[in-house]
């Protein structure tokens, strides 16, 4: 089974908890860097540790990676968020998350005047604290970073479950 990768995934959930509760901008940035590194480490540990302990894990990991490379829908989370954002951060120290703890959002309200005509009213509001930290680009653009991170954790959980299922099928007698 994928024991070490699951341990890293569990630590990712602890990192998410830190991100949810941290309001200091500098500390949040450091937590985000660590969280992204851990997120990518799930796959590295799967390949470099778990797969080396059991040839069935190695075969299942290779099968899953091949599937990710062939299926854009399934691989987008890995290649366009997990890997890309981690690489951007660790190789260039660029964050794909809004850099400030205050974000502006536009709220558009549709209203009806006295004559029954519909019009739009736009207002810009500032969100401060740790309410909203949007992803700046990529498939998760505009999503709160923690929501994208949680989605990535769920994706990894599903991938590890599939690998464990493949391993289980390999060990069943024919």
N, C-alpha and C. Protein backbone atom coordinates (compact mmCIF):
# COMPACT_ATOMS: atom_id res chain seq x y z
N UNK A 1 0.83 -1.18 0.00
CA UNK A 1 0.00 0.00 0.00
C UNK A 1 0.88 1.26 0.00
N UNK A 2 0.25 2.36 -0.25
CA UNK A 2 0.95 3.63 -0.44
C UNK A 2 1.13 4.37 0.90
N UNK A 3 1.78 3.71 1.85
CA UNK A 3 1.84 4.23 3.22
C UNK A 3 2.54 5.57 3.35
N UNK A 4 3.72 5.70 2.78
CA UNK A 4 4.46 6.96 2.93
C UNK A 4 3.76 8.10 2.20
N UNK A 5 3.25 7.84 1.00
CA UNK A 5 2.53 8.88 0.26
C UNK A 5 1.29 9.32 1.04
N UNK A 6 0.63 8.37 1.68
CA UNK A 6 -0.54 8.72 2.51
C UNK A 6 -0.14 9.58 3.70
N UNK A 7 1.04 9.33 4.27
CA UNK A 7 1.52 10.16 5.38
C UNK A 7 1.75 11.59 4.92
N UNK A 8 2.35 11.74 3.73
CA UNK A 8 2.55 13.09 3.19
C UNK A 8 1.20 13.75 2.94
N UNK A 9 0.25 13.00 2.39
CA UNK A 9 -1.08 13.55 2.14
C UNK A 9 -1.72 14.02 3.45
N UNK A 10 -1.55 13.24 4.51
CA UNK A 10 -2.08 13.65 5.82
C UNK A 10 -1.44 14.96 6.27
N UNK A 11 -0.14 15.10 6.05
CA UNK A 11 0.54 16.35 6.40
C UNK A 11 0.02 17.51 5.56
N UNK A 12 -0.37 17.23 4.33
CA UNK A 12 -0.98 18.27 3.48
C UNK A 12 -2.26 18.80 4.12
N UNK A 13 -3.04 17.92 4.73
CA UNK A 13 -4.26 18.37 5.41
C UNK A 13 -3.91 19.26 6.61
N UNK A 14 -2.83 18.94 7.30
CA UNK A 14 -2.37 19.82 8.39
C UNK A 14 -1.95 21.18 7.84
N UNK A 15 -1.28 21.17 6.69
CA UNK A 15 -0.87 22.43 6.06
C UNK A 15 -2.09 23.25 5.66
N UNK A 16 -3.12 22.59 5.15
CA UNK A 16 -4.36 23.30 4.80
C UNK A 16 -4.96 23.96 6.03
N UNK A 17 -4.95 23.28 7.15
CA UNK A 17 -5.46 23.84 8.39
C UNK A 17 -4.69 25.11 8.78
N UNK A 18 -3.37 25.07 8.62
CA UNK A 18 -2.56 26.26 8.90
C UNK A 18 -2.95 27.42 7.98
N UNK A 19 -3.16 27.11 6.70
CA UNK A 19 -3.54 28.15 5.73
C UNK A 19 -4.91 28.74 6.05
N UNK A 20 -5.82 27.91 6.51
CA UNK A 20 -7.17 28.38 6.84
C UNK A 20 -7.15 29.36 8.01
N UNK A 21 -6.22 29.15 8.93
CA UNK A 21 -6.25 29.92 10.18
C UNK A 21 -5.23 31.05 10.26
N UNK A 22 -4.29 31.09 9.34
CA UNK A 22 -3.24 32.11 9.41
C UNK A 22 -3.71 33.44 8.81
N UNK A 23 -3.56 34.52 9.56
CA UNK A 23 -3.94 35.84 9.06
C UNK A 23 -2.74 36.72 8.75
N UNK A 24 -1.59 36.40 9.31
CA UNK A 24 -0.39 37.18 9.03
C UNK A 24 0.06 36.89 7.59
N UNK A 25 0.18 37.94 6.80
CA UNK A 25 0.50 37.81 5.37
C UNK A 25 1.81 37.07 5.12
N UNK A 26 2.85 37.40 5.88
CA UNK A 26 4.15 36.76 5.69
C UNK A 26 4.12 35.29 6.08
N UNK A 27 3.50 34.99 7.21
CA UNK A 27 3.41 33.60 7.64
C UNK A 27 2.53 32.79 6.69
N UNK A 28 1.46 33.40 6.18
CA UNK A 28 0.60 32.70 5.23
C UNK A 28 1.41 32.31 3.99
N UNK A 29 2.23 33.22 3.51
CA UNK A 29 3.05 32.96 2.33
C UNK A 29 4.00 31.78 2.58
N UNK A 30 4.61 31.74 3.75
CA UNK A 30 5.51 30.64 4.10
C UNK A 30 4.73 29.33 4.19
N UNK A 31 3.56 29.37 4.81
CA UNK A 31 2.72 28.16 4.88
C UNK A 31 2.33 27.69 3.48
N UNK A 32 2.02 28.64 2.59
CA UNK A 32 1.63 28.28 1.22
C UNK A 32 2.80 27.59 0.51
N UNK A 33 4.00 28.12 0.69
CA UNK A 33 5.18 27.51 0.06
C UNK A 33 5.36 26.08 0.56
N UNK A 34 5.25 25.89 1.85
CA UNK A 34 5.37 24.55 2.41
C UNK A 34 4.26 23.63 1.96
N UNK A 35 3.06 24.17 1.90
CA UNK A 35 1.91 23.36 1.47
C UNK A 35 2.07 22.88 0.04
N UNK A 36 2.53 23.76 -0.86
CA UNK A 36 2.73 23.36 -2.26
C UNK A 36 3.84 22.32 -2.37
N UNK A 37 4.91 22.49 -1.60
CA UNK A 37 6.00 21.51 -1.63
C UNK A 37 5.49 20.14 -1.16
N UNK A 38 4.71 20.13 -0.09
CA UNK A 38 4.14 18.87 0.40
C UNK A 38 3.20 18.25 -0.63
N UNK A 39 2.41 19.09 -1.27
CA UNK A 39 1.45 18.59 -2.25
C UNK A 39 2.15 17.84 -3.38
N UNK A 40 3.24 18.39 -3.86
CA UNK A 40 4.00 17.72 -4.92
C UNK A 40 4.75 16.52 -4.37
N UNK A 41 5.14 16.58 -3.10
CA UNK A 41 5.88 15.48 -2.47
C UNK A 41 5.06 14.19 -2.42
N UNK A 42 3.74 14.29 -2.42
CA UNK A 42 2.92 13.08 -2.42
C UNK A 42 3.34 12.18 -3.59
N UNK A 43 3.42 12.75 -4.77
CA UNK A 43 3.80 11.97 -5.95
C UNK A 43 5.25 11.54 -5.92
N UNK A 44 6.13 12.42 -5.45
CA UNK A 44 7.55 12.05 -5.37
C UNK A 44 7.77 10.90 -4.40
N UNK A 45 7.12 10.95 -3.25
CA UNK A 45 7.27 9.88 -2.26
C UNK A 45 6.63 8.59 -2.78
N UNK A 46 5.52 8.71 -3.46
CA UNK A 46 4.89 7.54 -4.06
C UNK A 46 5.88 6.83 -4.98
N UNK A 47 6.54 7.59 -5.84
CA UNK A 47 7.46 7.02 -6.82
C UNK A 47 8.81 6.62 -6.21
N UNK A 48 9.36 7.45 -5.35
CA UNK A 48 10.71 7.23 -4.85
C UNK A 48 10.79 6.37 -3.59
N UNK A 49 9.68 6.26 -2.85
CA UNK A 49 9.71 5.49 -1.61
C UNK A 49 8.77 4.29 -1.70
N UNK A 50 7.48 4.55 -1.81
CA UNK A 50 6.51 3.44 -1.82
C UNK A 50 6.74 2.48 -2.98
N UNK A 51 6.98 3.00 -4.17
CA UNK A 51 7.16 2.14 -5.34
C UNK A 51 8.41 1.27 -5.22
N UNK A 52 9.39 1.73 -4.47
CA UNK A 52 10.62 0.95 -4.31
C UNK A 52 10.47 -0.16 -3.28
N UNK A 53 9.41 -0.11 -2.48
CA UNK A 53 9.19 -1.15 -1.48
C UNK A 53 8.37 -2.30 -2.02
N UNK A 54 7.70 -2.09 -3.15
CA UNK A 54 6.80 -3.12 -3.67
C UNK A 54 6.67 -2.94 -5.19
N UNK A 55 7.03 -3.95 -5.96
CA UNK A 55 6.94 -3.83 -7.42
C UNK A 55 5.51 -3.61 -7.92
N UNK A 56 4.53 -4.05 -7.14
CA UNK A 56 3.13 -3.82 -7.53
C UNK A 56 2.79 -2.33 -7.46
N UNK A 57 3.32 -1.65 -6.44
CA UNK A 57 3.11 -0.20 -6.34
C UNK A 57 3.79 0.49 -7.50
N UNK A 58 5.00 0.05 -7.83
CA UNK A 58 5.72 0.65 -8.96
C UNK A 58 4.92 0.49 -10.25
N UNK A 59 4.36 -0.70 -10.48
CA UNK A 59 3.57 -0.94 -11.69
C UNK A 59 2.31 -0.09 -11.69
N UNK A 60 1.64 0.00 -10.55
CA UNK A 60 0.40 0.79 -10.45
C UNK A 60 0.69 2.27 -10.62
N UNK A 61 1.78 2.75 -10.04
CA UNK A 61 2.15 4.17 -10.17
C UNK A 61 2.44 4.51 -11.62
N UNK A 62 3.15 3.63 -12.32
CA UNK A 62 3.44 3.85 -13.74
C UNK A 62 2.16 3.86 -14.56
N UNK A 63 1.25 2.95 -14.24
CA UNK A 63 -0.04 2.89 -14.94
C UNK A 63 -0.84 4.19 -14.74
N UNK A 64 -0.87 4.68 -13.51
CA UNK A 64 -1.60 5.91 -13.23
C UNK A 64 -0.96 7.11 -13.92
N UNK A 65 0.37 7.19 -13.88
CA UNK A 65 1.05 8.32 -14.52
C UNK A 65 0.80 8.31 -16.02
N UNK A 66 0.80 7.13 -16.61
CA UNK A 66 0.50 7.01 -18.05
C UNK A 66 -0.92 7.51 -18.33
N UNK A 67 -1.83 7.17 -17.45
CA UNK A 67 -3.23 7.62 -17.59
C UNK A 67 -3.31 9.14 -17.51
N UNK A 68 -2.59 9.74 -16.58
CA UNK A 68 -2.62 11.20 -16.43
C UNK A 68 -2.12 11.88 -17.69
N UNK A 69 -1.10 11.31 -18.29
CA UNK A 69 -0.53 11.91 -19.50
C UNK A 69 -1.48 11.81 -20.69
N UNK A 70 -2.39 10.83 -20.67
CA UNK A 70 -3.30 10.63 -21.79
C UNK A 70 -4.64 11.32 -21.61
N UNK A 71 -5.04 11.59 -20.38
CA UNK A 71 -6.37 12.14 -20.10
C UNK A 71 -6.23 13.56 -19.55
N UNK A 72 -6.51 14.55 -20.41
CA UNK A 72 -6.36 15.95 -20.01
C UNK A 72 -7.21 16.31 -18.80
N UNK A 73 -8.42 15.76 -18.71
CA UNK A 73 -9.30 16.10 -17.59
C UNK A 73 -8.72 15.60 -16.28
N UNK A 74 -8.17 14.40 -16.32
CA UNK A 74 -7.63 13.80 -15.10
C UNK A 74 -6.27 14.39 -14.73
N UNK A 75 -5.53 14.82 -15.73
CA UNK A 75 -4.17 15.28 -15.47
C UNK A 75 -4.07 16.78 -15.20
N UNK A 76 -5.12 17.53 -15.50
CA UNK A 76 -5.05 18.98 -15.33
C UNK A 76 -4.67 19.37 -13.91
N UNK A 77 -5.26 18.71 -12.93
CA UNK A 77 -4.96 19.04 -11.53
C UNK A 77 -3.47 18.84 -11.25
N UNK A 78 -2.91 17.74 -11.75
CA UNK A 78 -1.50 17.47 -11.49
C UNK A 78 -0.59 18.42 -12.25
N UNK A 79 -0.73 18.46 -13.57
CA UNK A 79 0.23 19.20 -14.39
C UNK A 79 0.02 20.71 -14.35
N UNK A 80 -1.22 21.17 -14.22
CA UNK A 80 -1.50 22.61 -14.29
C UNK A 80 -1.64 23.29 -12.93
N UNK A 81 -1.70 22.52 -11.86
CA UNK A 81 -1.75 23.15 -10.54
C UNK A 81 -0.66 22.59 -9.63
N UNK A 82 -0.73 21.31 -9.31
CA UNK A 82 0.21 20.73 -8.35
C UNK A 82 1.66 20.94 -8.79
N UNK A 83 1.97 20.50 -9.99
CA UNK A 83 3.35 20.59 -10.48
C UNK A 83 3.73 22.01 -10.89
N UNK A 84 2.86 22.65 -11.65
CA UNK A 84 3.19 23.97 -12.20
C UNK A 84 3.37 25.02 -11.10
N UNK A 85 2.43 25.07 -10.16
CA UNK A 85 2.53 26.08 -9.10
C UNK A 85 3.71 25.80 -8.16
N UNK A 86 3.95 24.51 -7.88
CA UNK A 86 5.11 24.16 -7.05
C UNK A 86 6.40 24.55 -7.76
N UNK A 87 6.51 24.22 -9.05
CA UNK A 87 7.72 24.56 -9.80
C UNK A 87 7.93 26.07 -9.87
N UNK A 88 6.86 26.80 -10.11
CA UNK A 88 6.94 28.26 -10.18
C UNK A 88 7.46 28.83 -8.86
N UNK A 89 6.97 28.28 -7.78
CA UNK A 89 7.37 28.76 -6.46
C UNK A 89 8.80 28.34 -6.11
N UNK A 90 9.11 27.08 -6.26
CA UNK A 90 10.41 26.59 -5.80
C UNK A 90 11.55 26.92 -6.76
N UNK A 91 11.25 27.08 -8.02
CA UNK A 91 12.32 27.35 -8.99
C UNK A 91 12.49 28.84 -9.29
N UNK A 92 11.42 29.63 -9.10
CA UNK A 92 11.50 31.06 -9.41
C UNK A 92 11.05 31.94 -8.25
N UNK A 93 10.58 31.34 -7.19
CA UNK A 93 10.00 32.01 -6.03
C UNK A 93 8.93 33.02 -6.45
N UNK A 94 8.07 32.56 -7.34
CA UNK A 94 6.90 33.33 -7.75
C UNK A 94 5.66 32.61 -7.23
N UNK A 95 4.76 33.40 -6.68
CA UNK A 95 3.53 32.85 -6.12
C UNK A 95 2.39 33.12 -7.08
N UNK A 96 1.61 32.09 -7.36
CA UNK A 96 0.45 32.24 -8.24
C UNK A 96 -0.80 32.53 -7.41
N UNK A 97 -0.61 33.22 -6.31
CA UNK A 97 -1.70 33.60 -5.41
C UNK A 97 -1.60 35.11 -5.20
N UNK A 98 -2.74 35.76 -5.08
CA UNK A 98 -2.76 37.21 -4.83
C UNK A 98 -1.83 37.52 -3.67
N UNK A 99 -0.91 38.46 -3.84
CA UNK A 99 0.15 38.67 -2.85
C UNK A 99 -0.26 39.38 -1.57
N UNK A 100 -1.40 39.99 -1.55
CA UNK A 100 -1.79 40.77 -0.37
C UNK A 100 -2.89 40.08 0.40
N UNK A 101 -3.05 40.49 1.66
CA UNK A 101 -4.13 39.90 2.44
C UNK A 101 -5.44 40.65 2.24
N UNK A 102 -5.45 41.61 1.34
CA UNK A 102 -6.68 42.33 0.98
C UNK A 102 -6.91 42.15 -0.51
N UNK A 103 -8.13 41.80 -0.88
CA UNK A 103 -8.49 41.61 -2.29
C UNK A 103 -9.71 42.44 -2.60
N UNK A 104 -9.76 42.94 -3.81
CA UNK A 104 -10.95 43.67 -4.26
C UNK A 104 -11.83 42.72 -5.06
N UNK A 105 -13.11 42.79 -4.81
CA UNK A 105 -14.05 42.01 -5.61
C UNK A 105 -15.13 42.94 -6.14
N UNK A 106 -15.62 42.61 -7.30
CA UNK A 106 -16.69 43.38 -7.92
C UNK A 106 -17.99 42.63 -7.72
N UNK A 107 -18.97 43.31 -7.18
CA UNK A 107 -20.30 42.72 -7.02
C UNK A 107 -21.25 43.45 -7.94
N UNK A 108 -21.86 42.69 -8.83
CA UNK A 108 -22.82 43.25 -9.77
C UNK A 108 -24.21 42.79 -9.35
N UNK A 109 -25.09 43.75 -9.18
CA UNK A 109 -26.46 43.46 -8.78
C UNK A 109 -27.40 43.91 -9.89
N UNK A 110 -28.32 43.04 -10.26
CA UNK A 110 -29.34 43.44 -11.23
C UNK A 110 -30.52 44.02 -10.46
N UNK A 111 -30.92 45.21 -10.88
CA UNK A 111 -32.01 45.92 -10.22
C UNK A 111 -33.06 46.30 -11.26
N UNK A 112 -34.22 46.63 -10.74
CA UNK A 112 -35.31 47.08 -11.61
C UNK A 112 -35.74 48.47 -11.16
N UNK A 113 -35.79 49.41 -12.11
CA UNK A 113 -36.20 50.77 -11.75
C UNK A 113 -37.73 50.84 -11.67
N UNK A 114 -38.24 52.04 -11.38
CA UNK A 114 -39.69 52.23 -11.21
C UNK A 114 -40.49 51.92 -12.47
N UNK A 115 -39.84 52.03 -13.63
CA UNK A 115 -40.52 51.76 -14.90
C UNK A 115 -40.41 50.29 -15.31
N UNK A 116 -39.78 49.48 -14.49
CA UNK A 116 -39.64 48.06 -14.81
C UNK A 116 -38.41 47.72 -15.62
N UNK A 117 -37.57 48.70 -15.91
CA UNK A 117 -36.35 48.45 -16.68
C UNK A 117 -35.29 47.83 -15.76
N UNK A 118 -34.62 46.81 -16.28
CA UNK A 118 -33.56 46.15 -15.52
C UNK A 118 -32.23 46.81 -15.85
N UNK A 119 -31.46 47.07 -14.80
CA UNK A 119 -30.12 47.63 -14.98
C UNK A 119 -29.18 46.98 -13.96
N UNK A 120 -27.90 47.15 -14.22
CA UNK A 120 -26.89 46.59 -13.32
C UNK A 120 -26.26 47.69 -12.49
N UNK A 121 -26.04 47.36 -11.23
CA UNK A 121 -25.34 48.26 -10.32
C UNK A 121 -24.06 47.54 -9.87
N UNK A 122 -22.91 48.18 -10.09
CA UNK A 122 -21.62 47.58 -9.74
C UNK A 122 -21.03 48.26 -8.51
N UNK A 123 -20.49 47.45 -7.62
CA UNK A 123 -19.80 47.96 -6.44
C UNK A 123 -18.53 47.15 -6.22
N UNK A 124 -17.46 47.85 -5.90
CA UNK A 124 -16.20 47.18 -5.56
C UNK A 124 -16.10 47.13 -4.04
N UNK A 125 -15.81 45.95 -3.53
CA UNK A 125 -15.67 45.76 -2.09
C UNK A 125 -14.29 45.19 -1.80
N UNK A 126 -13.76 45.58 -0.67
CA UNK A 126 -12.47 45.07 -0.23
C UNK A 126 -12.71 43.93 0.76
N UNK A 127 -12.04 42.83 0.52
CA UNK A 127 -12.06 41.71 1.47
C UNK A 127 -10.70 41.69 2.15
N UNK A 128 -10.70 41.77 3.46
CA UNK A 128 -9.42 41.76 4.15
C UNK A 128 -9.30 40.53 5.03
N UNK A 129 -8.23 40.47 5.75
CA UNK A 129 -7.99 39.32 6.60
C UNK A 129 -7.65 38.11 5.75
N UNK A 130 -8.14 37.00 6.15
CA UNK A 130 -7.80 35.74 5.48
C UNK A 130 -9.02 35.17 4.77
N UNK A 131 -9.88 36.04 4.26
CA UNK A 131 -11.14 35.58 3.68
C UNK A 131 -10.97 35.00 2.29
N UNK A 132 -10.21 35.67 1.43
CA UNK A 132 -10.14 35.27 0.03
C UNK A 132 -8.74 35.53 -0.50
N UNK A 133 -8.08 34.49 -0.96
CA UNK A 133 -6.74 34.59 -1.54
C UNK A 133 -6.78 33.91 -2.91
N UNK A 134 -7.12 34.69 -3.95
CA UNK A 134 -7.36 34.09 -5.26
C UNK A 134 -6.09 33.63 -5.98
N UNK A 135 -6.26 32.52 -6.72
CA UNK A 135 -5.24 32.05 -7.65
C UNK A 135 -5.22 33.04 -8.81
N UNK A 136 -4.04 33.39 -9.29
CA UNK A 136 -3.91 34.44 -10.30
C UNK A 136 -4.02 33.96 -11.74
N UNK A 137 -3.63 32.72 -12.03
CA UNK A 137 -3.70 32.23 -13.41
C UNK A 137 -3.82 30.72 -13.43
N UNK A 138 -4.15 30.20 -14.60
CA UNK A 138 -4.28 28.75 -14.76
C UNK A 138 -5.72 28.31 -14.62
N UNK A 139 -5.94 27.01 -14.60
CA UNK A 139 -7.31 26.48 -14.55
C UNK A 139 -8.06 26.82 -13.26
N UNK A 140 -7.34 27.17 -12.22
CA UNK A 140 -7.97 27.53 -10.93
C UNK A 140 -8.02 29.04 -10.72
N UNK A 141 -7.76 29.81 -11.77
CA UNK A 141 -7.76 31.27 -11.68
C UNK A 141 -9.06 31.78 -11.05
N UNK A 142 -8.91 32.64 -10.05
CA UNK A 142 -10.06 33.22 -9.37
C UNK A 142 -10.55 32.41 -8.19
N UNK A 143 -10.20 31.13 -8.14
CA UNK A 143 -10.58 30.29 -7.00
C UNK A 143 -9.73 30.68 -5.80
N UNK A 144 -10.30 30.56 -4.62
CA UNK A 144 -9.51 30.75 -3.42
C UNK A 144 -8.42 29.68 -3.38
N UNK A 145 -7.21 30.06 -3.04
CA UNK A 145 -6.08 29.13 -3.05
C UNK A 145 -6.35 27.91 -2.18
N UNK A 146 -7.00 28.10 -1.05
CA UNK A 146 -7.27 26.97 -0.16
C UNK A 146 -8.28 26.02 -0.75
N UNK A 147 -9.25 26.56 -1.51
CA UNK A 147 -10.22 25.69 -2.18
C UNK A 147 -9.53 24.86 -3.26
N UNK A 148 -8.64 25.49 -4.02
CA UNK A 148 -7.88 24.76 -5.05
C UNK A 148 -6.99 23.71 -4.40
N UNK A 149 -6.38 24.07 -3.28
CA UNK A 149 -5.51 23.13 -2.57
C UNK A 149 -6.31 21.94 -2.06
N UNK A 150 -7.47 22.21 -1.49
CA UNK A 150 -8.32 21.12 -0.99
C UNK A 150 -8.75 20.21 -2.14
N UNK A 151 -9.08 20.79 -3.27
CA UNK A 151 -9.44 19.99 -4.44
C UNK A 151 -8.26 19.12 -4.87
N UNK A 152 -7.05 19.66 -4.79
CA UNK A 152 -5.86 18.87 -5.13
C UNK A 152 -5.66 17.73 -4.13
N UNK A 153 -5.95 17.97 -2.86
CA UNK A 153 -5.85 16.90 -1.86
C UNK A 153 -6.84 15.79 -2.16
N UNK A 154 -8.05 16.18 -2.53
CA UNK A 154 -9.06 15.17 -2.88
C UNK A 154 -8.63 14.40 -4.13
N UNK A 155 -8.02 15.10 -5.09
CA UNK A 155 -7.52 14.45 -6.30
C UNK A 155 -6.46 13.42 -5.93
N UNK A 156 -5.50 13.82 -5.08
CA UNK A 156 -4.46 12.87 -4.67
C UNK A 156 -5.07 11.69 -3.93
N UNK A 157 -6.02 11.94 -3.05
CA UNK A 157 -6.67 10.85 -2.33
C UNK A 157 -7.30 9.85 -3.29
N UNK A 158 -7.96 10.36 -4.31
CA UNK A 158 -8.58 9.49 -5.32
C UNK A 158 -7.51 8.70 -6.08
N UNK A 159 -6.41 9.36 -6.44
CA UNK A 159 -5.34 8.68 -7.17
C UNK A 159 -4.72 7.57 -6.33
N UNK A 160 -4.47 7.84 -5.06
CA UNK A 160 -3.89 6.82 -4.18
C UNK A 160 -4.86 5.67 -3.96
N UNK A 161 -6.15 5.98 -3.86
CA UNK A 161 -7.17 4.91 -3.76
C UNK A 161 -7.15 4.03 -5.00
N UNK A 162 -7.05 4.66 -6.18
CA UNK A 162 -7.01 3.89 -7.42
C UNK A 162 -5.76 3.01 -7.48
N UNK A 163 -4.64 3.54 -7.04
CA UNK A 163 -3.41 2.74 -7.02
C UNK A 163 -3.56 1.56 -6.07
N UNK A 164 -4.13 1.80 -4.90
CA UNK A 164 -4.35 0.70 -3.96
C UNK A 164 -5.31 -0.34 -4.54
N UNK A 165 -6.30 0.11 -5.31
CA UNK A 165 -7.23 -0.83 -5.96
C UNK A 165 -6.51 -1.65 -7.02
N UNK A 166 -5.65 -1.02 -7.80
CA UNK A 166 -4.86 -1.74 -8.81
C UNK A 166 -4.00 -2.80 -8.12
N UNK A 167 -3.37 -2.42 -7.02
CA UNK A 167 -2.52 -3.36 -6.27
C UNK A 167 -3.36 -4.53 -5.76
N UNK A 168 -4.53 -4.21 -5.24
CA UNK A 168 -5.43 -5.24 -4.73
C UNK A 168 -5.82 -6.21 -5.84
N UNK A 169 -6.10 -5.69 -7.02
CA UNK A 169 -6.46 -6.54 -8.16
C UNK A 169 -5.29 -7.41 -8.61
N UNK A 170 -4.07 -6.88 -8.47
CA UNK A 170 -2.88 -7.65 -8.86
C UNK A 170 -2.62 -8.81 -7.92
N UNK A 171 -3.09 -8.71 -6.67
CA UNK A 171 -2.82 -9.75 -5.69
C UNK A 171 -3.92 -10.79 -5.61
N UNK A 172 -5.06 -10.55 -6.27
CA UNK A 172 -6.16 -11.51 -6.23
C UNK A 172 -5.82 -12.72 -7.10
N UNK A 173 -6.15 -13.92 -6.60
CA UNK A 173 -5.91 -15.11 -7.43
C UNK A 173 -6.83 -15.11 -8.64
N UNK A 174 -6.32 -15.62 -9.74
CA UNK A 174 -7.09 -15.64 -11.00
C UNK A 174 -8.10 -16.75 -11.00
